[in-house]
Amino acid sequence: MKLGFLASGNGSSARAMVDAIAAGELAAEAGLMASNKPSAPALAWAQGLGIPAVCVPTAADPEGADKAITDAMQARGVELIVLSGYLRRLGPVLLSAYRGRILNIHPALLPAFGGEGMYGRRVHEAVLAAGAAESGATIHVVDGDYDSGPIVAQRAVPVLAGDTPADLEGRVKLMEPQFFVETMKRIANGELGLPRR
């Protein structure tokens, strides 16, 4: 299974997956790391490991960037795309070319606490404001709307008395990379199929 990664920052999930590949725990290959930010640490990290890496800025020409990202992924033979903290909406060309084969991890239990504007600290603030007893992470297929694609897997973490948004964010972030790796292992060995819509 050849993986492509999209990251705007550190690419924590991508790093965890590449570590699992190197350890022989995940039957996959890192085909490409792409970012919309030239300064993204994920790009330098990938280059340092010999993983092909490309920066495709999206703000000035979203349509051109959409095609460029798609072309780059296809040129590297990427079969499944993983969003690893990618903070741009995906375009229709990429979504069509990889329909049902783009995965994201969201720092809450969808369908609650998702949608446009629900990212980063805002998600955890919303969970606490709602008085939820638990939060967690959701791995889902990416479609054209924010956080609305079919759910692949979920894992909960407790909301503790006295939690601040930073406390809850830290607890969820600590769990996410390994949860994503474990889910990818299940996909790679055929134990878990990707849902279709």
N, C-alpha and C. Protein backbone atom coordinates (compact mmCIF):
# COMPACT_ATOMS: atom_id res chain seq x y z
N MET A 1 0.86 -1.18 0.00
CA MET A 1 0.00 0.00 0.00
C MET A 1 0.90 1.23 0.00
N LYS A 2 0.84 2.00 -1.07
CA LYS A 2 1.68 3.20 -1.15
C LYS A 2 0.90 4.40 -0.65
N LEU A 3 1.47 5.08 0.34
CA LEU A 3 0.80 6.20 1.00
C LEU A 3 1.33 7.54 0.53
N GLY A 4 0.42 8.48 0.40
CA GLY A 4 0.78 9.88 0.19
C GLY A 4 0.31 10.67 1.40
N PHE A 5 1.09 11.66 1.78
CA PHE A 5 0.76 12.47 2.95
C PHE A 5 0.60 13.93 2.57
N LEU A 6 -0.37 14.59 3.20
CA LEU A 6 -0.55 16.04 3.07
C LEU A 6 -0.43 16.63 4.47
N ALA A 7 0.48 17.59 4.64
CA ALA A 7 0.70 18.19 5.96
C ALA A 7 0.98 19.67 5.82
N SER A 8 0.51 20.44 6.79
CA SER A 8 0.80 21.88 6.81
C SER A 8 1.79 22.24 7.91
N GLY A 9 2.08 21.28 8.81
CA GLY A 9 2.97 21.55 9.94
C GLY A 9 3.96 20.42 10.13
N ASN A 10 3.92 19.82 11.32
CA ASN A 10 4.88 18.77 11.67
C ASN A 10 4.58 17.42 11.03
N GLY A 11 3.31 17.16 10.73
CA GLY A 11 2.95 15.87 10.15
C GLY A 11 3.12 14.73 11.14
N SER A 12 2.58 14.89 12.34
CA SER A 12 2.78 13.90 13.41
C SER A 12 2.28 12.50 13.03
N SER A 13 1.11 12.43 12.41
CA SER A 13 0.58 11.12 12.02
C SER A 13 1.44 10.48 10.94
N ALA A 14 1.91 11.28 9.99
CA ALA A 14 2.79 10.77 8.94
C ALA A 14 4.07 10.21 9.55
N ARG A 15 4.62 10.93 10.51
CA ARG A 15 5.86 10.47 11.17
C ARG A 15 5.63 9.13 11.87
N ALA A 16 4.50 9.00 12.56
CA ALA A 16 4.19 7.76 13.26
C ALA A 16 4.04 6.60 12.27
N MET A 17 3.42 6.86 11.13
CA MET A 17 3.24 5.81 10.14
C MET A 17 4.57 5.40 9.52
N VAL A 18 5.41 6.37 9.20
CA VAL A 18 6.72 6.06 8.62
C VAL A 18 7.58 5.29 9.62
N ASP A 19 7.50 5.64 10.89
CA ASP A 19 8.20 4.88 11.93
C ASP A 19 7.71 3.44 11.97
N ALA A 20 6.39 3.26 11.85
CA ALA A 20 5.82 1.91 11.88
C ALA A 20 6.24 1.11 10.64
N ILE A 21 6.33 1.78 9.50
CA ILE A 21 6.81 1.12 8.28
C ILE A 21 8.25 0.67 8.47
N ALA A 22 9.09 1.57 9.00
CA ALA A 22 10.51 1.27 9.20
C ALA A 22 10.71 0.11 10.18
N ALA A 23 9.81 0.01 11.16
CA ALA A 23 9.89 -1.05 12.16
C ALA A 23 9.30 -2.37 11.66
N GLY A 24 8.76 -2.37 10.45
CA GLY A 24 8.16 -3.58 9.91
C GLY A 24 6.78 -3.88 10.46
N GLU A 25 6.16 -2.86 11.07
CA GLU A 25 4.85 -3.06 11.69
C GLU A 25 3.69 -2.69 10.78
N LEU A 26 3.96 -1.89 9.77
CA LEU A 26 2.92 -1.45 8.84
C LEU A 26 3.34 -1.79 7.43
N ALA A 27 2.54 -2.61 6.76
CA ALA A 27 2.86 -3.05 5.40
C ALA A 27 2.47 -1.96 4.40
N ALA A 28 3.32 -0.97 4.31
CA ALA A 28 3.06 0.17 3.43
C ALA A 28 4.37 0.81 3.03
N GLU A 29 4.28 1.77 2.13
CA GLU A 29 5.44 2.51 1.66
C GLU A 29 5.06 3.99 1.58
N ALA A 30 5.96 4.86 2.01
CA ALA A 30 5.72 6.30 1.92
C ALA A 30 6.08 6.78 0.52
N GLY A 31 5.06 7.17 -0.24
CA GLY A 31 5.30 7.55 -1.63
C GLY A 31 5.57 9.02 -1.83
N LEU A 32 4.94 9.89 -1.02
CA LEU A 32 5.09 11.33 -1.22
C LEU A 32 4.60 12.08 0.01
N MET A 33 5.34 13.14 0.35
CA MET A 33 4.89 14.12 1.34
C MET A 33 4.67 15.43 0.59
N ALA A 34 3.48 15.98 0.69
CA ALA A 34 3.17 17.25 0.05
C ALA A 34 2.67 18.23 1.10
N SER A 35 3.02 19.50 0.93
CA SER A 35 2.58 20.53 1.86
C SER A 35 2.23 21.79 1.09
N ASN A 36 1.36 22.59 1.69
CA ASN A 36 1.04 23.90 1.12
C ASN A 36 1.97 24.98 1.65
N LYS A 37 2.82 24.64 2.60
CA LYS A 37 3.71 25.62 3.23
C LYS A 37 5.17 25.22 3.06
N PRO A 38 5.98 26.09 2.42
CA PRO A 38 7.39 25.73 2.22
C PRO A 38 8.17 25.56 3.52
N SER A 39 7.69 26.20 4.58
CA SER A 39 8.39 26.11 5.86
C SER A 39 7.90 24.96 6.74
N ALA A 40 6.98 24.16 6.25
CA ALA A 40 6.43 23.06 7.05
C ALA A 40 7.53 22.10 7.47
N PRO A 41 7.69 21.84 8.77
CA PRO A 41 8.70 20.89 9.22
C PRO A 41 8.56 19.50 8.59
N ALA A 42 7.33 19.14 8.21
CA ALA A 42 7.10 17.82 7.60
C ALA A 42 7.88 17.66 6.31
N LEU A 43 8.06 18.73 5.55
CA LEU A 43 8.80 18.64 4.29
C LEU A 43 10.27 18.31 4.53
N ALA A 44 10.90 19.07 5.43
CA ALA A 44 12.31 18.84 5.73
C ALA A 44 12.53 17.45 6.33
N TRP A 45 11.59 17.04 7.20
CA TRP A 45 11.68 15.71 7.79
C TRP A 45 11.65 14.63 6.71
N ALA A 46 10.68 14.74 5.79
CA ALA A 46 10.56 13.75 4.72
C ALA A 46 11.81 13.72 3.84
N GLN A 47 12.29 14.90 3.47
CA GLN A 47 13.49 14.97 2.64
C GLN A 47 14.68 14.32 3.33
N GLY A 48 14.77 14.52 4.65
CA GLY A 48 15.87 13.93 5.41
C GLY A 48 15.84 12.42 5.41
N LEU A 49 14.67 11.83 5.22
CA LEU A 49 14.53 10.38 5.17
C LEU A 49 14.53 9.83 3.74
N GLY A 50 14.67 10.73 2.77
CA GLY A 50 14.66 10.30 1.38
C GLY A 50 13.27 10.05 0.83
N ILE A 51 12.25 10.53 1.52
CA ILE A 51 10.88 10.43 1.02
C ILE A 51 10.64 11.59 0.06
N PRO A 52 10.15 11.33 -1.15
CA PRO A 52 9.88 12.43 -2.06
C PRO A 52 8.97 13.46 -1.41
N ALA A 53 9.32 14.73 -1.57
CA ALA A 53 8.56 15.80 -0.92
C ALA A 53 8.38 16.95 -1.89
N VAL A 54 7.20 17.57 -1.83
CA VAL A 54 6.90 18.68 -2.74
C VAL A 54 6.05 19.71 -2.01
N CYS A 55 6.32 20.98 -2.29
CA CYS A 55 5.49 22.06 -1.75
C CYS A 55 4.60 22.58 -2.87
N VAL A 56 3.31 22.61 -2.63
CA VAL A 56 2.34 23.14 -3.60
C VAL A 56 1.50 24.20 -2.90
N PRO A 57 1.91 25.48 -2.99
CA PRO A 57 1.09 26.54 -2.38
C PRO A 57 -0.29 26.55 -3.00
N THR A 58 -1.31 26.78 -2.17
CA THR A 58 -2.68 26.66 -2.66
C THR A 58 -3.44 27.99 -2.70
N ALA A 59 -2.98 28.99 -1.97
CA ALA A 59 -3.77 30.22 -1.80
C ALA A 59 -3.95 31.00 -3.10
N ALA A 60 -2.88 31.16 -3.87
CA ALA A 60 -2.94 32.02 -5.06
C ALA A 60 -3.72 31.38 -6.20
N ASP A 61 -3.61 30.07 -6.35
CA ASP A 61 -4.24 29.37 -7.47
C ASP A 61 -4.76 28.02 -6.99
N PRO A 62 -5.90 28.01 -6.29
CA PRO A 62 -6.41 26.74 -5.75
C PRO A 62 -6.65 25.67 -6.80
N GLU A 63 -7.18 26.07 -7.97
CA GLU A 63 -7.47 25.08 -9.02
C GLU A 63 -6.19 24.46 -9.56
N GLY A 64 -5.18 25.30 -9.80
CA GLY A 64 -3.90 24.79 -10.28
C GLY A 64 -3.23 23.90 -9.26
N ALA A 65 -3.34 24.29 -7.99
CA ALA A 65 -2.76 23.49 -6.91
C ALA A 65 -3.45 22.14 -6.79
N ASP A 66 -4.75 22.13 -6.93
CA ASP A 66 -5.53 20.90 -6.88
C ASP A 66 -5.02 19.90 -7.91
N LYS A 67 -4.82 20.38 -9.13
CA LYS A 67 -4.32 19.49 -10.19
C LYS A 67 -2.87 19.09 -9.94
N ALA A 68 -2.06 20.03 -9.46
CA ALA A 68 -0.64 19.73 -9.22
C ALA A 68 -0.48 18.66 -8.13
N ILE A 69 -1.26 18.77 -7.06
CA ILE A 69 -1.19 17.78 -5.99
C ILE A 69 -1.63 16.42 -6.52
N THR A 70 -2.72 16.40 -7.26
CA THR A 70 -3.22 15.14 -7.82
C THR A 70 -2.18 14.51 -8.74
N ASP A 71 -1.61 15.32 -9.63
CA ASP A 71 -0.60 14.81 -10.57
C ASP A 71 0.60 14.25 -9.81
N ALA A 72 1.03 14.95 -8.76
CA ALA A 72 2.20 14.50 -8.00
C ALA A 72 1.92 13.18 -7.29
N MET A 73 0.73 13.06 -6.71
CA MET A 73 0.36 11.81 -6.04
C MET A 73 0.31 10.65 -7.03
N GLN A 74 -0.31 10.89 -8.17
CA GLN A 74 -0.45 9.82 -9.16
C GLN A 74 0.90 9.44 -9.77
N ALA A 75 1.77 10.43 -9.95
CA ALA A 75 3.09 10.16 -10.52
C ALA A 75 3.93 9.26 -9.61
N ARG A 76 3.67 9.35 -8.29
CA ARG A 76 4.40 8.52 -7.34
C ARG A 76 3.68 7.20 -7.04
N GLY A 77 2.57 6.95 -7.73
CA GLY A 77 1.84 5.70 -7.54
C GLY A 77 1.10 5.60 -6.22
N VAL A 78 0.77 6.75 -5.64
CA VAL A 78 0.08 6.76 -4.35
C VAL A 78 -1.31 6.13 -4.48
N GLU A 79 -1.62 5.23 -3.54
CA GLU A 79 -2.91 4.55 -3.54
C GLU A 79 -3.87 5.10 -2.50
N LEU A 80 -3.32 5.59 -1.39
CA LEU A 80 -4.14 6.08 -0.28
C LEU A 80 -3.49 7.34 0.28
N ILE A 81 -4.27 8.40 0.45
CA ILE A 81 -3.75 9.67 0.95
C ILE A 81 -4.16 9.86 2.41
N VAL A 82 -3.19 10.27 3.22
CA VAL A 82 -3.42 10.53 4.64
C VAL A 82 -3.22 12.03 4.90
N LEU A 83 -4.24 12.67 5.47
CA LEU A 83 -4.09 14.06 5.88
C LEU A 83 -3.48 14.07 7.28
N SER A 84 -2.37 14.76 7.41
CA SER A 84 -1.64 14.80 8.68
C SER A 84 -1.49 16.26 9.09
N GLY A 85 -2.62 16.82 9.56
CA GLY A 85 -2.60 18.24 9.92
C GLY A 85 -2.52 19.14 8.70
N TYR A 86 -3.31 18.81 7.68
CA TYR A 86 -3.34 19.62 6.46
C TYR A 86 -4.48 20.61 6.56
N LEU A 87 -4.14 21.90 6.54
CA LEU A 87 -5.12 22.93 6.88
C LEU A 87 -5.70 23.65 5.67
N ARG A 88 -5.86 22.92 4.58
CA ARG A 88 -6.51 23.49 3.40
C ARG A 88 -7.60 22.53 2.93
N ARG A 89 -8.65 23.11 2.39
CA ARG A 89 -9.73 22.29 1.84
C ARG A 89 -9.24 21.64 0.54
N LEU A 90 -9.57 20.38 0.36
CA LEU A 90 -9.14 19.68 -0.85
C LEU A 90 -10.01 20.05 -2.03
N GLY A 91 -9.41 20.05 -3.21
CA GLY A 91 -10.12 20.43 -4.43
C GLY A 91 -10.82 19.25 -5.09
N PRO A 92 -11.69 19.55 -6.05
CA PRO A 92 -12.51 18.50 -6.68
C PRO A 92 -11.71 17.50 -7.52
N VAL A 93 -10.59 17.92 -8.09
CA VAL A 93 -9.80 17.00 -8.90
C VAL A 93 -9.20 15.90 -8.02
N LEU A 94 -8.59 16.30 -6.91
CA LEU A 94 -8.01 15.31 -5.99
C LEU A 94 -9.10 14.44 -5.38
N LEU A 95 -10.20 15.05 -4.96
CA LEU A 95 -11.29 14.29 -4.34
C LEU A 95 -11.87 13.27 -5.31
N SER A 96 -11.93 13.61 -6.58
CA SER A 96 -12.45 12.69 -7.58
C SER A 96 -11.46 11.56 -7.87
N ALA A 97 -10.19 11.93 -8.04
CA ALA A 97 -9.17 10.93 -8.38
C ALA A 97 -8.97 9.92 -7.25
N TYR A 98 -9.14 10.37 -6.02
CA TYR A 98 -8.92 9.50 -4.86
C TYR A 98 -10.20 9.33 -4.03
N ARG A 99 -11.32 9.28 -4.70
CA ARG A 99 -12.60 9.13 -4.00
C ARG A 99 -12.60 7.89 -3.11
N GLY A 100 -12.90 8.09 -1.81
CA GLY A 100 -12.93 6.98 -0.88
C GLY A 100 -11.56 6.53 -0.42
N ARG A 101 -10.50 7.23 -0.85
CA ARG A 101 -9.13 6.81 -0.52
C ARG A 101 -8.31 7.96 0.08
N ILE A 102 -8.99 8.89 0.74
CA ILE A 102 -8.33 9.97 1.48
C ILE A 102 -8.84 9.91 2.91
N LEU A 103 -7.91 9.81 3.87
CA LEU A 103 -8.29 9.69 5.27
C LEU A 103 -7.80 10.89 6.08
N ASN A 104 -8.61 11.29 7.04
CA ASN A 104 -8.26 12.37 7.95
C ASN A 104 -8.56 11.91 9.37
N ILE A 105 -7.85 12.50 10.34
CA ILE A 105 -8.17 12.26 11.74
C ILE A 105 -8.64 13.58 12.34
N HIS A 106 -9.79 13.53 12.99
CA HIS A 106 -10.41 14.73 13.58
C HIS A 106 -10.37 14.58 15.10
N PRO A 107 -10.00 15.64 15.83
CA PRO A 107 -9.80 15.51 17.28
C PRO A 107 -11.07 15.59 18.11
N ALA A 108 -12.08 14.84 17.71
CA ALA A 108 -13.33 14.74 18.47
C ALA A 108 -14.09 13.53 17.94
N LEU A 109 -15.17 13.18 18.63
CA LEU A 109 -15.99 12.05 18.20
C LEU A 109 -17.09 12.57 17.27
N LEU A 110 -16.84 12.48 15.98
CA LEU A 110 -17.84 12.92 15.01
C LEU A 110 -19.06 12.01 15.11
N PRO A 111 -20.25 12.49 14.72
CA PRO A 111 -20.50 13.73 13.98
C PRO A 111 -20.57 15.00 14.83
N ALA A 112 -20.50 14.88 16.15
CA ALA A 112 -20.49 16.10 16.97
C ALA A 112 -19.15 16.81 16.83
N PHE A 113 -19.16 18.09 17.01
CA PHE A 113 -17.94 18.90 17.08
C PHE A 113 -17.10 18.83 15.80
N GLY A 114 -17.79 18.82 14.66
CA GLY A 114 -17.11 18.86 13.37
C GLY A 114 -17.70 19.98 12.52
N GLY A 115 -17.16 20.12 11.32
CA GLY A 115 -17.66 21.12 10.39
C GLY A 115 -16.69 22.28 10.21
N GLU A 116 -17.07 23.21 9.37
CA GLU A 116 -16.19 24.33 9.04
C GLU A 116 -15.84 25.12 10.30
N GLY A 117 -14.58 25.44 10.44
CA GLY A 117 -14.11 26.21 11.59
C GLY A 117 -13.81 25.38 12.83
N MET A 118 -14.16 24.09 12.79
CA MET A 118 -13.92 23.23 13.95
C MET A 118 -12.58 22.51 13.79
N TYR A 119 -11.53 23.18 14.25
CA TYR A 119 -10.20 22.58 14.20
C TYR A 119 -9.39 23.13 15.37
N GLY A 120 -8.32 22.42 15.70
CA GLY A 120 -7.44 22.87 16.76
C GLY A 120 -8.15 23.05 18.10
N ARG A 121 -7.75 24.06 18.81
CA ARG A 121 -8.25 24.31 20.16
C ARG A 121 -9.77 24.53 20.18
N ARG A 122 -10.31 25.06 19.11
CA ARG A 122 -11.76 25.34 19.06
C ARG A 122 -12.59 24.08 19.32
N VAL A 123 -12.11 22.94 18.80
CA VAL A 123 -12.85 21.69 18.98
C VAL A 123 -12.95 21.36 20.46
N HIS A 124 -11.85 21.46 21.16
CA HIS A 124 -11.81 21.08 22.57
C HIS A 124 -12.59 22.07 23.44
N GLU A 125 -12.56 23.33 23.05
CA GLU A 125 -13.39 24.33 23.75
C GLU A 125 -14.87 23.98 23.62
N ALA A 126 -15.26 23.54 22.42
CA ALA A 126 -16.66 23.19 22.17
C ALA A 126 -17.08 21.95 22.96
N VAL A 127 -16.19 20.97 23.03
CA VAL A 127 -16.48 19.75 23.79
C VAL A 127 -16.72 20.09 25.27
N LEU A 128 -15.84 20.92 25.82
CA LEU A 128 -15.99 21.29 27.23
C LEU A 128 -17.23 22.14 27.46
N ALA A 129 -17.50 23.05 26.54
CA ALA A 129 -18.69 23.91 26.68
C ALA A 129 -19.98 23.11 26.65
N ALA A 130 -19.96 21.98 25.92
CA ALA A 130 -21.15 21.14 25.82
C ALA A 130 -21.30 20.21 27.03
N GLY A 131 -20.29 20.16 27.88
CA GLY A 131 -20.37 19.29 29.05
C GLY A 131 -20.27 17.81 28.73
N ALA A 132 -19.60 17.48 27.61
CA ALA A 132 -19.48 16.08 27.20
C ALA A 132 -18.64 15.29 28.21
N ALA A 133 -18.99 14.03 28.41
CA ALA A 133 -18.27 13.18 29.34
C ALA A 133 -17.02 12.58 28.73
N GLU A 134 -16.98 12.54 27.40
CA GLU A 134 -15.81 12.02 26.72
C GLU A 134 -15.60 12.72 25.40
N SER A 135 -14.36 12.68 24.94
CA SER A 135 -14.02 13.17 23.61
C SER A 135 -13.21 12.06 22.96
N GLY A 136 -12.33 12.40 22.04
CA GLY A 136 -11.55 11.36 21.39
C GLY A 136 -11.12 11.78 20.01
N ALA A 137 -11.00 10.81 19.13
CA ALA A 137 -10.59 11.08 17.76
C ALA A 137 -11.38 10.20 16.80
N THR A 138 -11.61 10.74 15.61
CA THR A 138 -12.34 10.04 14.57
C THR A 138 -11.51 10.01 13.30
N ILE A 139 -11.30 8.84 12.75
CA ILE A 139 -10.68 8.70 11.43
C ILE A 139 -11.81 8.53 10.44
N HIS A 140 -11.82 9.39 9.42
CA HIS A 140 -12.93 9.35 8.47
C HIS A 140 -12.42 9.55 7.05
N VAL A 141 -13.22 9.10 6.11
CA VAL A 141 -12.95 9.34 4.69
C VAL A 141 -13.28 10.80 4.39
N VAL A 142 -12.42 11.42 3.62
CA VAL A 142 -12.61 12.84 3.28
C VAL A 142 -13.47 12.95 2.03
N ASP A 143 -14.51 13.80 2.13
CA ASP A 143 -15.31 14.12 0.94
C ASP A 143 -15.29 15.64 0.77
N GLY A 144 -16.23 16.18 0.06
CA GLY A 144 -16.20 17.61 -0.26
C GLY A 144 -16.61 18.53 0.86
N ASP A 145 -17.15 18.00 1.95
CA ASP A 145 -17.58 18.83 3.07
C ASP A 145 -16.71 18.55 4.29
N TYR A 146 -16.56 19.54 5.15
CA TYR A 146 -15.72 19.38 6.33
C TYR A 146 -16.25 18.30 7.27
N ASP A 147 -15.41 17.32 7.56
CA ASP A 147 -15.68 16.32 8.61
C ASP A 147 -16.97 15.53 8.41
N SER A 148 -17.40 15.38 7.17
CA SER A 148 -18.70 14.73 6.94
C SER A 148 -18.59 13.36 6.29
N GLY A 149 -17.39 12.94 5.91
CA GLY A 149 -17.25 11.67 5.21
C GLY A 149 -17.48 10.48 6.13
N PRO A 150 -17.67 9.30 5.54
CA PRO A 150 -17.93 8.09 6.32
C PRO A 150 -16.85 7.84 7.37
N ILE A 151 -17.30 7.42 8.56
CA ILE A 151 -16.39 7.15 9.67
C ILE A 151 -15.75 5.77 9.50
N VAL A 152 -14.42 5.72 9.69
CA VAL A 152 -13.66 4.48 9.59
C VAL A 152 -13.43 3.89 10.97
N ALA A 153 -13.03 4.72 11.92
CA ALA A 153 -12.75 4.24 13.28
C ALA A 153 -12.81 5.41 14.26
N GLN A 154 -13.12 5.09 15.52
CA GLN A 154 -13.14 6.11 16.58
C GLN A 154 -12.51 5.55 17.84
N ARG A 155 -11.89 6.43 18.62
CA ARG A 155 -11.37 6.05 19.92
C ARG A 155 -11.66 7.18 20.90
N ALA A 156 -12.18 6.82 22.06
CA ALA A 156 -12.58 7.83 23.05
C ALA A 156 -11.49 8.06 24.09
N VAL A 157 -11.49 9.27 24.63
CA VAL A 157 -10.71 9.59 25.83
C VAL A 157 -11.65 10.29 26.80
N PRO A 158 -11.43 10.14 28.10
CA PRO A 158 -12.34 10.78 29.05
C PRO A 158 -12.12 12.29 29.12
N VAL A 159 -13.20 12.99 29.42
CA VAL A 159 -13.10 14.39 29.81
C VAL A 159 -13.07 14.39 31.34
N LEU A 160 -12.02 14.96 31.91
CA LEU A 160 -11.83 14.91 33.36
C LEU A 160 -12.29 16.20 34.02
N ALA A 161 -12.69 16.09 35.26
CA ALA A 161 -13.11 17.27 36.02
C ALA A 161 -11.97 18.28 36.07
N GLY A 162 -12.30 19.54 35.78
CA GLY A 162 -11.28 20.58 35.81
C GLY A 162 -10.47 20.71 34.54
N ASP A 163 -10.78 19.91 33.53
CA ASP A 163 -10.04 20.00 32.26
C ASP A 163 -10.13 21.40 31.67
N THR A 164 -9.00 21.89 31.18
CA THR A 164 -8.99 23.08 30.33
C THR A 164 -8.95 22.60 28.89
N PRO A 165 -9.24 23.49 27.92
CA PRO A 165 -9.10 23.07 26.53
C PRO A 165 -7.70 22.53 26.22
N ALA A 166 -6.67 23.13 26.82
CA ALA A 166 -5.30 22.65 26.59
C ALA A 166 -5.09 21.25 27.15
N ASP A 167 -5.68 20.96 28.32
CA ASP A 167 -5.57 19.63 28.91
C ASP A 167 -6.17 18.57 27.99
N LEU A 168 -7.38 18.86 27.53
CA LEU A 168 -8.10 17.91 26.68
C LEU A 168 -7.38 17.74 25.34
N GLU A 169 -6.93 18.85 24.78
CA GLU A 169 -6.19 18.80 23.52
C GLU A 169 -4.95 17.93 23.66
N GLY A 170 -4.23 18.08 24.76
CA GLY A 170 -3.03 17.28 24.98
C GLY A 170 -3.32 15.80 25.07
N ARG A 171 -4.42 15.45 25.77
CA ARG A 171 -4.79 14.04 25.93
C ARG A 171 -5.17 13.43 24.58
N VAL A 172 -5.90 14.17 23.77
CA VAL A 172 -6.30 13.66 22.45
C VAL A 172 -5.08 13.56 21.53
N LYS A 173 -4.25 14.60 21.51
CA LYS A 173 -3.07 14.59 20.63
C LYS A 173 -2.13 13.44 20.96
N LEU A 174 -2.02 13.12 22.23
CA LEU A 174 -1.13 12.04 22.65
C LEU A 174 -1.59 10.69 22.09
N MET A 175 -2.88 10.52 21.95
CA MET A 175 -3.45 9.26 21.48
C MET A 175 -3.50 9.15 19.96
N GLU A 176 -3.64 10.27 19.26
CA GLU A 176 -3.96 10.25 17.83
C GLU A 176 -2.97 9.49 16.94
N PRO A 177 -1.65 9.77 16.99
CA PRO A 177 -0.77 9.11 16.03
C PRO A 177 -0.81 7.58 16.10
N GLN A 178 -0.76 7.02 17.31
CA GLN A 178 -0.77 5.56 17.44
C GLN A 178 -2.11 4.98 17.01
N PHE A 179 -3.19 5.68 17.31
CA PHE A 179 -4.52 5.24 16.87
C PHE A 179 -4.59 5.21 15.35
N PHE A 180 -4.04 6.23 14.70
CA PHE A 180 -4.04 6.29 13.23
C PHE A 180 -3.20 5.13 12.68
N VAL A 181 -2.03 4.88 13.28
CA VAL A 181 -1.18 3.77 12.83
C VAL A 181 -1.91 2.44 12.98
N GLU A 182 -2.53 2.22 14.12
CA GLU A 182 -3.25 0.95 14.35
C GLU A 182 -4.38 0.78 13.34
N THR A 183 -5.07 1.85 13.02
CA THR A 183 -6.14 1.78 12.03
C THR A 183 -5.58 1.48 10.64
N MET A 184 -4.44 2.09 10.31
CA MET A 184 -3.81 1.83 9.00
C MET A 184 -3.35 0.38 8.90
N LYS A 185 -2.87 -0.17 10.00
CA LYS A 185 -2.49 -1.59 9.99
C LYS A 185 -3.69 -2.46 9.66
N ARG A 186 -4.83 -2.15 10.27
CA ARG A 186 -6.05 -2.93 10.03
C ARG A 186 -6.50 -2.82 8.58
N ILE A 187 -6.32 -1.63 7.99
CA ILE A 187 -6.65 -1.45 6.57
C ILE A 187 -5.69 -2.23 5.69
N ALA A 188 -4.39 -2.14 6.02
CA ALA A 188 -3.36 -2.80 5.21
C ALA A 188 -3.50 -4.32 5.21
N ASN A 189 -3.93 -4.89 6.36
CA ASN A 189 -4.03 -6.36 6.41
C ASN A 189 -5.42 -6.87 6.03
N GLY A 190 -6.29 -5.95 5.59
CA GLY A 190 -7.61 -6.37 5.12
C GLY A 190 -8.65 -6.57 6.20
N GLU A 191 -8.27 -6.30 7.44
CA GLU A 191 -9.21 -6.46 8.55
C GLU A 191 -10.29 -5.38 8.56
N LEU A 192 -9.93 -4.22 8.02
CA LEU A 192 -10.85 -3.07 8.01
C LEU A 192 -10.95 -2.53 6.59
N GLY A 193 -12.16 -2.51 6.04
CA GLY A 193 -12.37 -1.96 4.71
C GLY A 193 -12.74 -0.49 4.79
N LEU A 194 -12.45 0.25 3.74
CA LEU A 194 -12.83 1.65 3.70
C LEU A 194 -14.28 1.76 3.28
N PRO A 195 -15.07 2.51 4.05
CA PRO A 195 -16.49 2.65 3.70
C PRO A 195 -16.66 3.47 2.43
N ARG A 196 -17.66 3.14 1.69
CA ARG A 196 -17.99 3.87 0.46
C ARG A 196 -19.30 4.63 0.65
N ARG A 197 -19.40 5.77 -0.01
CA ARG A 197 -20.66 6.50 0.07
C ARG A 197 -21.25 6.56 -1.33
